[in-house]
């Protein structure tokens, strides 16, 4: 029987893959698949199309929402700024209207007080 010298034994090197797996999960292939399934569903049962569209939206939402967020962010920011400015102008306008209404109410009370404050004299016969 031959003796094995531990210093001369070689262990095989781990095999590493140089090429990364290619993802064929592109949006185009998904849309083509969905379109094909959509045509098949339409031929079988037309009532299933709304449910299929909801499923497609749910499938595409995670990929599209970040992109849409970057596109719509400036518009949404502008809308929020405009809403904030409108709210501030509305506060000022309402405060002015309230002050004017209180002034008018105070004027009416001041005009009516002398009429009510005057004592009614009884006529003596």
Protein backbone atom coordinates (compact mmCIF):
# COMPACT_ATOMS: atom_id res chain seq x y z
CA UNK A 1 0.00 0.00 0.00
CA UNK A 2 1.37 3.41 -0.93
CA UNK A 3 1.73 6.07 1.66
CA UNK A 4 0.18 9.44 1.01
CA UNK A 5 2.26 12.37 1.99
CA UNK A 6 -0.04 15.14 3.27
CA UNK A 7 2.21 17.81 1.84
CA UNK A 8 1.95 16.42 -1.68
CA UNK A 9 -1.79 15.86 -1.79
CA UNK A 10 -3.67 18.53 -3.64
CA UNK A 11 -7.22 19.53 -3.04
CA UNK A 12 -9.20 20.60 -6.08
CA UNK A 13 -9.71 24.36 -6.35
CA UNK A 14 -13.32 25.51 -6.02
CA UNK A 15 -14.97 26.05 -9.35
CA UNK A 16 -16.14 29.61 -9.86
CA UNK A 17 -18.24 30.72 -12.73
CA UNK A 18 -16.79 33.61 -14.67
CA UNK A 19 -19.99 34.43 -16.56
CA UNK A 20 -22.90 35.85 -14.58
CA UNK A 21 -26.29 34.34 -15.37
CA UNK A 22 -28.07 36.37 -17.98
CA UNK A 23 -31.44 37.60 -16.86
CA UNK A 24 -33.99 37.34 -19.58
CA UNK A 25 -36.56 38.97 -17.35
CA UNK A 26 -36.91 42.13 -19.37
CA UNK A 27 -39.95 44.31 -19.55
CA UNK A 28 -40.38 43.61 -23.26
CA UNK A 29 -40.57 39.86 -22.83
CA UNK A 30 -43.01 40.27 -19.96
CA UNK A 31 -45.21 42.56 -22.01
CA UNK A 32 -45.15 40.15 -24.95
CA UNK A 33 -46.15 37.28 -22.68
CA UNK A 34 -48.92 39.32 -21.09
CA UNK A 35 -50.19 40.41 -24.50
CA UNK A 36 -50.31 36.80 -25.69
CA UNK A 37 -52.14 35.71 -22.54
CA UNK A 38 -54.47 38.71 -22.90
CA UNK A 39 -55.46 37.68 -26.40
CA UNK A 40 -56.08 34.14 -25.22
CA UNK A 41 -58.19 35.37 -22.30
CA UNK A 42 -60.18 37.66 -24.59
CA UNK A 43 -60.93 34.71 -26.86
CA UNK A 44 -62.00 32.51 -23.96
CA UNK A 45 -63.84 34.85 -21.62
CA UNK A 46 -64.08 38.62 -22.11
CA UNK A 47 -65.11 39.20 -18.47
CA UNK A 48 -61.66 38.11 -17.28
CA UNK A 49 -59.86 41.05 -18.90
CA UNK A 50 -60.32 43.56 -16.00
CA UNK A 51 -58.84 41.06 -13.55
CA UNK A 52 -55.96 40.39 -15.90
CA UNK A 53 -55.27 44.13 -16.24
CA UNK A 54 -55.18 44.46 -12.46
CA UNK A 55 -52.70 41.59 -12.33
CA UNK A 56 -50.53 43.20 -15.00
CA UNK A 57 -50.54 46.50 -13.10
CA UNK A 58 -49.57 44.70 -9.91
CA UNK A 59 -46.75 42.94 -11.74
CA UNK A 60 -45.37 46.11 -13.32
CA UNK A 61 -45.84 48.45 -10.36
CA UNK A 62 -42.61 47.63 -8.48
CA UNK A 63 -40.50 48.39 -11.55
CA UNK A 64 -42.40 51.42 -12.83
CA UNK A 65 -43.17 53.28 -9.61
CA UNK A 66 -39.56 54.30 -8.82
CA UNK A 67 -39.13 55.56 -12.38
CA UNK A 68 -42.44 57.38 -12.30
CA UNK A 69 -41.55 58.84 -8.92
CA UNK A 70 -38.42 60.41 -10.36
CA UNK A 71 -40.36 61.78 -13.33
CA UNK A 72 -43.34 63.13 -11.39
CA UNK A 73 -41.42 64.43 -8.34
CA UNK A 74 -40.95 67.98 -9.70
CA UNK A 75 -44.61 68.20 -10.70
CA UNK A 76 -45.79 66.91 -7.34
CA UNK A 77 -43.44 69.29 -5.54
CA UNK A 78 -44.83 72.20 -7.56
CA UNK A 79 -48.39 71.13 -6.78
CA UNK A 80 -47.59 70.94 -3.06
CA UNK A 81 -46.00 74.42 -3.18
CA UNK A 82 -49.03 75.83 -4.98
CA UNK A 83 -51.40 74.19 -2.49
CA UNK A 84 -49.41 75.57 0.43
CA UNK A 85 -49.45 79.08 -1.07
CA UNK A 86 -53.19 78.79 -1.73
CA UNK A 87 -53.80 77.68 1.86
CA UNK A 88 -51.81 80.65 3.19
CA UNK A 89 -53.70 83.09 0.95
CA UNK A 90 -56.99 81.53 2.03
CA UNK A 91 -56.05 81.99 5.71
CA UNK A 92 -55.26 85.66 5.14
CA UNK A 93 -58.43 86.23 3.13
CA UNK A 94 -60.59 84.52 5.74
CA UNK A 95 -58.96 86.50 8.55
CA UNK A 96 -59.65 89.76 6.69
CA UNK A 97 -63.25 88.72 5.97
CA UNK A 98 -63.76 87.76 9.61
CA UNK A 99 -62.35 91.09 10.77
CA UNK A 100 -64.61 92.99 8.35
CA UNK A 101 -67.64 91.02 9.51
CA UNK A 102 -66.81 91.72 13.17
CA UNK A 103 -66.43 95.45 12.35
CA UNK A 104 -69.82 95.52 10.63
CA UNK A 105 -71.44 93.66 13.53
CA UNK A 106 -69.92 96.10 16.03
CA UNK A 107 -71.17 99.10 13.97
CA UNK A 108 -74.70 97.69 13.83
CA UNK A 109 -74.72 97.10 17.59
CA UNK A 110 -73.42 100.61 18.21
CA UNK A 111 -76.17 102.08 16.01
CA UNK A 112 -78.92 100.09 17.72
CA UNK A 113 -77.85 100.69 21.34
CA UNK A 114 -78.94 104.36 21.55
CA UNK A 115 -82.37 103.43 20.25
CA UNK A 116 -82.80 100.73 22.91
CA UNK A 117 -81.04 102.68 25.65
CA UNK A 118 -83.45 105.61 25.48
CA UNK A 119 -86.06 105.25 28.23
CA UNK A 120 -89.61 105.08 27.09
CA UNK A 121 -91.60 107.80 28.85
CA UNK A 122 -95.12 107.19 29.78
CA UNK A 123 -97.56 109.79 28.69
CA UNK A 124 -99.23 111.53 31.57
CA UNK A 125 -102.80 112.40 31.19
